Amino acid sequence: MQFNFDSTEPLYLQVADQLEDAIFVATFVEGEQVPSTTEISKQFHINPATVLKGMNILVENGLIEKRRGLGMFVTHGAREKIQEKRRQEFYEQYVVNLVLEAQKLAINESTILEMVKRGFKIT
């Protein structure tokens, strides 16, 4: 994990985002314990309350769960929840804007689809 202390994004959101990303890329798998608030706060010199605030976002979203006396663990289905959330964000941030811009340029649906197909051939 790397934190940008100069960013306008609050540290607790950076904690939540980075833990979520670690779950998504399977650094932490379902059922596995994530580092404790104390471990993260000591390693990165962040206030434990800040770390806990970020972790609580993941608890609220059902991605990690508190096990009394044991710590925080990745919930079953967490990766799929993240994937669905990110797909929805992708749609809202990219697809909707793509369609709106295409309409301004008088580009029809079939032309957009051809352009997307051409884009996939690049990679």
C-alpha atoms as a PDB file:
ATOM      1  CA  MET A   1       0.000   0.000   0.000  1.00  0.00           C
ATOM      2  CA  GLN A   2       1.105   3.514  -0.749  1.00  0.00           C
ATOM      3  CA  PHE A   3      -0.548   6.620   0.588  1.00  0.00           C
ATOM      4  CA  ASN A   4      -0.344  10.125  -0.802  1.00  0.00           C
ATOM      5  CA  PHE A   5      -0.275  12.435   2.194  1.00  0.00           C
ATOM      6  CA  ASP A   6      -0.425  15.464  -0.121  1.00  0.00           C
ATOM      7  CA  SER A   7      -3.562  14.300  -1.935  1.00  0.00           C
ATOM      8  CA  THR A   8      -6.893  16.043  -1.571  1.00  0.00           C
ATOM      9  CA  GLU A   9      -8.423  12.574  -1.134  1.00  0.00           C
ATOM     10  CA  PRO A  10      -8.732  11.853   2.597  1.00  0.00           C
ATOM     11  CA  LEU A  11      -6.459   9.137   3.982  1.00  0.00           C
ATOM     12  CA  TYR A  12      -9.354   7.012   5.206  1.00  0.00           C
ATOM     13  CA  LEU A  13     -10.685   6.841   1.631  1.00  0.00           C
ATOM     14  CA  GLN A  14      -7.217   5.911   0.381  1.00  0.00           C
ATOM     15  CA  VAL A  15      -7.134   3.110   2.959  1.00  0.00           C
ATOM     16  CA  ALA A  16     -10.551   1.860   1.829  1.00  0.00           C
ATOM     17  CA  ASP A  17      -9.644   2.103  -1.867  1.00  0.00           C
ATOM     18  CA  GLN A  18      -6.344   0.290  -1.482  1.00  0.00           C
ATOM     19  CA  LEU A  19      -7.772  -2.503   0.639  1.00  0.00           C
ATOM     20  CA  GLU A  20     -10.623  -2.875  -1.850  1.00  0.00           C
ATOM     21  CA  ASP A  21      -8.143  -3.053  -4.705  1.00  0.00           C
ATOM     22  CA  ALA A  22      -6.069  -5.653  -2.815  1.00  0.00           C
ATOM     23  CA  ILE A  23      -9.199  -7.779  -2.459  1.00  0.00           C
ATOM     24  CA  PHE A  24     -10.060  -7.299  -6.126  1.00  0.00           C
ATOM     25  CA  VAL A  25      -6.631  -8.433  -7.363  1.00  0.00           C
ATOM     26  CA  ALA A  26      -6.651 -11.315  -4.844  1.00  0.00           C
ATOM     27  CA  THR A  27      -3.851 -10.045  -2.620  1.00  0.00           C
ATOM     28  CA  PHE A  28      -6.384 -10.815   0.099  1.00  0.00           C
ATOM     29  CA  VAL A  29      -8.701 -13.679  -0.800  1.00  0.00           C
ATOM     30  CA  GLU A  30     -12.120 -14.546   0.571  1.00  0.00           C
ATOM     31  CA  GLY A  31     -11.946 -15.782   4.145  1.00  0.00           C
ATOM     32  CA  GLU A  32      -8.441 -14.403   4.647  1.00  0.00           C
ATOM     33  CA  GLN A  33      -7.557 -11.967   7.408  1.00  0.00           C
ATOM     34  CA  VAL A  34      -6.548  -8.462   6.352  1.00  0.00           C
ATOM     35  CA  PRO A  35      -3.869  -6.531   8.253  1.00  0.00           C
ATOM     36  CA  SER A  36      -5.081  -5.018  11.494  1.00  0.00           C
ATOM     37  CA  THR A  37      -5.635  -1.312  11.992  1.00  0.00           C
ATOM     38  CA  THR A  38      -2.603  -1.332  14.283  1.00  0.00           C
ATOM     39  CA  GLU A  39      -0.377  -3.016  11.676  1.00  0.00           C
ATOM     40  CA  ILE A  40      -1.401  -0.575   8.941  1.00  0.00           C
ATOM     41  CA  SER A  41      -1.173   2.479  11.174  1.00  0.00           C
ATOM     42  CA  LYS A  42       2.307   1.551  12.446  1.00  0.00           C
ATOM     43  CA  GLN A  43       3.668   0.574   9.033  1.00  0.00           C
ATOM     44  CA  PHE A  44       2.432   3.703   7.271  1.00  0.00           C
ATOM     45  CA  HIS A  45       2.414   6.150  10.201  1.00  0.00           C
ATOM     46  CA  ILE A  46      -1.309   6.792   9.987  1.00  0.00           C
ATOM     47  CA  ASN A  47      -3.610   7.391  12.925  1.00  0.00           C
ATOM     48  CA  PRO A  48      -5.356   4.102  13.854  1.00  0.00           C
ATOM     49  CA  ALA A  49      -8.731   5.888  13.910  1.00  0.00           C
ATOM     50  CA  THR A  50      -8.158   6.946  10.292  1.00  0.00           C
ATOM     51  CA  VAL A  51      -7.351   3.376   9.267  1.00  0.00           C
ATOM     52  CA  LEU A  52     -10.410   2.088  11.128  1.00  0.00           C
ATOM     53  CA  LYS A  53     -12.623   4.652   9.402  1.00  0.00           C
ATOM     54  CA  GLY A  54     -11.430   3.361   6.020  1.00  0.00           C
ATOM     55  CA  MET A  55     -11.920  -0.250   7.050  1.00  0.00           C
ATOM     56  CA  ASN A  56     -15.422   0.498   8.291  1.00  0.00           C
ATOM     57  CA  ILE A  57     -16.361   1.606   4.779  1.00  0.00           C
ATOM     58  CA  LEU A  58     -15.482  -1.899   3.580  1.00  0.00           C
ATOM     59  CA  VAL A  59     -17.460  -3.410   6.463  1.00  0.00           C
ATOM     60  CA  GLU A  60     -20.499  -1.287   5.499  1.00  0.00           C
ATOM     61  CA  ASN A  61     -20.114  -2.436   1.874  1.00  0.00           C
ATOM     62  CA  GLY A  62     -19.980  -6.080   2.946  1.00  0.00           C
ATOM     63  CA  LEU A  63     -16.418  -6.627   1.722  1.00  0.00           C
ATOM     64  CA  ILE A  64     -14.816  -7.371   5.068  1.00  0.00           C
ATOM     65  CA  GLU A  65     -16.266  -8.491   8.371  1.00  0.00           C
ATOM     66  CA  LYS A  66     -15.204  -8.041  11.967  1.00  0.00           C
ATOM     67  CA  ARG A  67     -14.682 -11.216  13.938  1.00  0.00           C
ATOM     68  CA  ARG A  68     -14.645 -10.318  17.577  1.00  0.00           C
ATOM     69  CA  GLY A  69     -11.240 -10.950  19.086  1.00  0.00           C
ATOM     70  CA  LEU A  70      -9.791 -12.170  15.785  1.00  0.00           C
ATOM     71  CA  GLY A  71      -9.696  -9.193  13.415  1.00  0.00           C
ATOM     72  CA  MET A  72     -11.061  -8.333  10.001  1.00  0.00           C
ATOM     73  CA  PHE A  73     -11.607 -10.927   7.283  1.00  0.00           C
ATOM     74  CA  VAL A  74     -12.549 -10.772   3.602  1.00  0.00           C
ATOM     75  CA  THR A  75     -16.162 -11.848   3.147  1.00  0.00           C
ATOM     76  CA  HIS A  76     -17.276 -14.511   0.705  1.00  0.00           C
ATOM     77  CA  GLY A  77     -18.367 -12.904  -2.552  1.00  0.00           C
ATOM     78  CA  ALA A  78     -16.354  -9.723  -1.896  1.00  0.00           C
ATOM     79  CA  ARG A  79     -14.462  -9.862  -5.192  1.00  0.00           C
ATOM     80  CA  GLU A  80     -17.692 -10.265  -7.161  1.00  0.00           C
ATOM     81  CA  LYS A  81     -19.249  -7.307  -5.318  1.00  0.00           C
ATOM     82  CA  ILE A  82     -16.248  -5.162  -6.196  1.00  0.00           C
ATOM     83  CA  GLN A  83     -16.351  -6.304  -9.818  1.00  0.00           C
ATOM     84  CA  GLU A  84     -20.055  -5.450 -10.109  1.00  0.00           C
ATOM     85  CA  LYS A  85     -19.500  -2.047  -8.474  1.00  0.00           C
ATOM     86  CA  ARG A  86     -16.625  -1.285 -10.830  1.00  0.00           C
ATOM     87  CA  ARG A  87     -18.626  -2.383 -13.868  1.00  0.00           C
ATOM     88  CA  GLN A  88     -21.412  -0.007 -12.853  1.00  0.00           C
ATOM     89  CA  GLU A  89     -18.892   2.799 -12.337  1.00  0.00           C
ATOM     90  CA  PHE A  90     -17.346   2.014 -15.738  1.00  0.00           C
ATOM     91  CA  TYR A  91     -20.764   2.279 -17.351  1.00  0.00           C
ATOM     92  CA  GLU A  92     -21.577   5.558 -15.607  1.00  0.00           C
ATOM     93  CA  GLN A  93     -18.172   7.180 -16.114  1.00  0.00           C
ATOM     94  CA  TYR A  94     -17.244   5.966 -19.583  1.00  0.00           C
ATOM     95  CA  VAL A  95     -20.109   4.447 -21.541  1.00  0.00           C
ATOM     96  CA  VAL A  96     -22.656   7.141 -20.789  1.00  0.00           C
ATOM     97  CA  ASN A  97     -20.135   9.855 -21.657  1.00  0.00           C
ATOM     98  CA  LEU A  98     -19.103   7.990 -24.809  1.00  0.00           C
ATOM     99  CA  VAL A  99     -22.700   7.822 -25.994  1.00  0.00           C
ATOM    100  CA  LEU A 100     -23.364  11.471 -25.157  1.00  0.00           C
ATOM    101  CA  GLU A 101     -20.250  12.596 -27.046  1.00  0.00           C
ATOM    102  CA  ALA A 102     -21.113  10.318 -29.983  1.00  0.00           C
ATOM    103  CA  GLN A 103     -24.563  11.868 -30.180  1.00  0.00           C
ATOM    104  CA  LYS A 104     -23.009  15.340 -30.303  1.00  0.00           C
ATOM    105  CA  LEU A 105     -20.807  14.175 -33.164  1.00  0.00           C
ATOM    106  CA  ALA A 106     -23.713  12.468 -34.942  1.00  0.00           C
ATOM    107  CA  ILE A 107     -22.033   9.065 -34.635  1.00  0.00           C
ATOM    108  CA  ASN A 108     -24.584   6.263 -34.730  1.00  0.00           C
ATOM    109  CA  GLU A 109     -24.626   3.073 -32.656  1.00  0.00           C
ATOM    110  CA  SER A 110     -23.195   0.802 -35.356  1.00  0.00           C
ATOM    111  CA  THR A 111     -20.276   3.156 -35.938  1.00  0.00           C
ATOM    112  CA  ILE A 112     -19.536   3.286 -32.199  1.00  0.00           C
ATOM    113  CA  LEU A 113     -19.592  -0.519 -32.038  1.00  0.00           C
ATOM    114  CA  GLU A 114     -17.175  -0.719 -34.972  1.00  0.00           C
ATOM    115  CA  MET A 115     -14.865   1.758 -33.242  1.00  0.00           C
ATOM    116  CA  VAL A 116     -14.963  -0.273 -30.016  1.00  0.00           C
ATOM    117  CA  LYS A 117     -14.214  -3.476 -31.929  1.00  0.00           C
ATOM    118  CA  ARG A 118     -11.297  -1.720 -33.615  1.00  0.00           C
ATOM    119  CA  GLY A 119     -10.084  -0.613 -30.177  1.00  0.00           C
ATOM    120  CA  PHE A 120     -10.085  -4.178 -28.904  1.00  0.00           C
ATOM    121  CA  LYS A 121      -7.804  -5.195 -31.792  1.00  0.00           C
ATOM    122  CA  ILE A 122      -5.151  -2.740 -30.582  1.00  0.00           C
ATOM    123  CA  THR A 123      -4.562  -4.612 -27.331  1.00  0.00           C
END
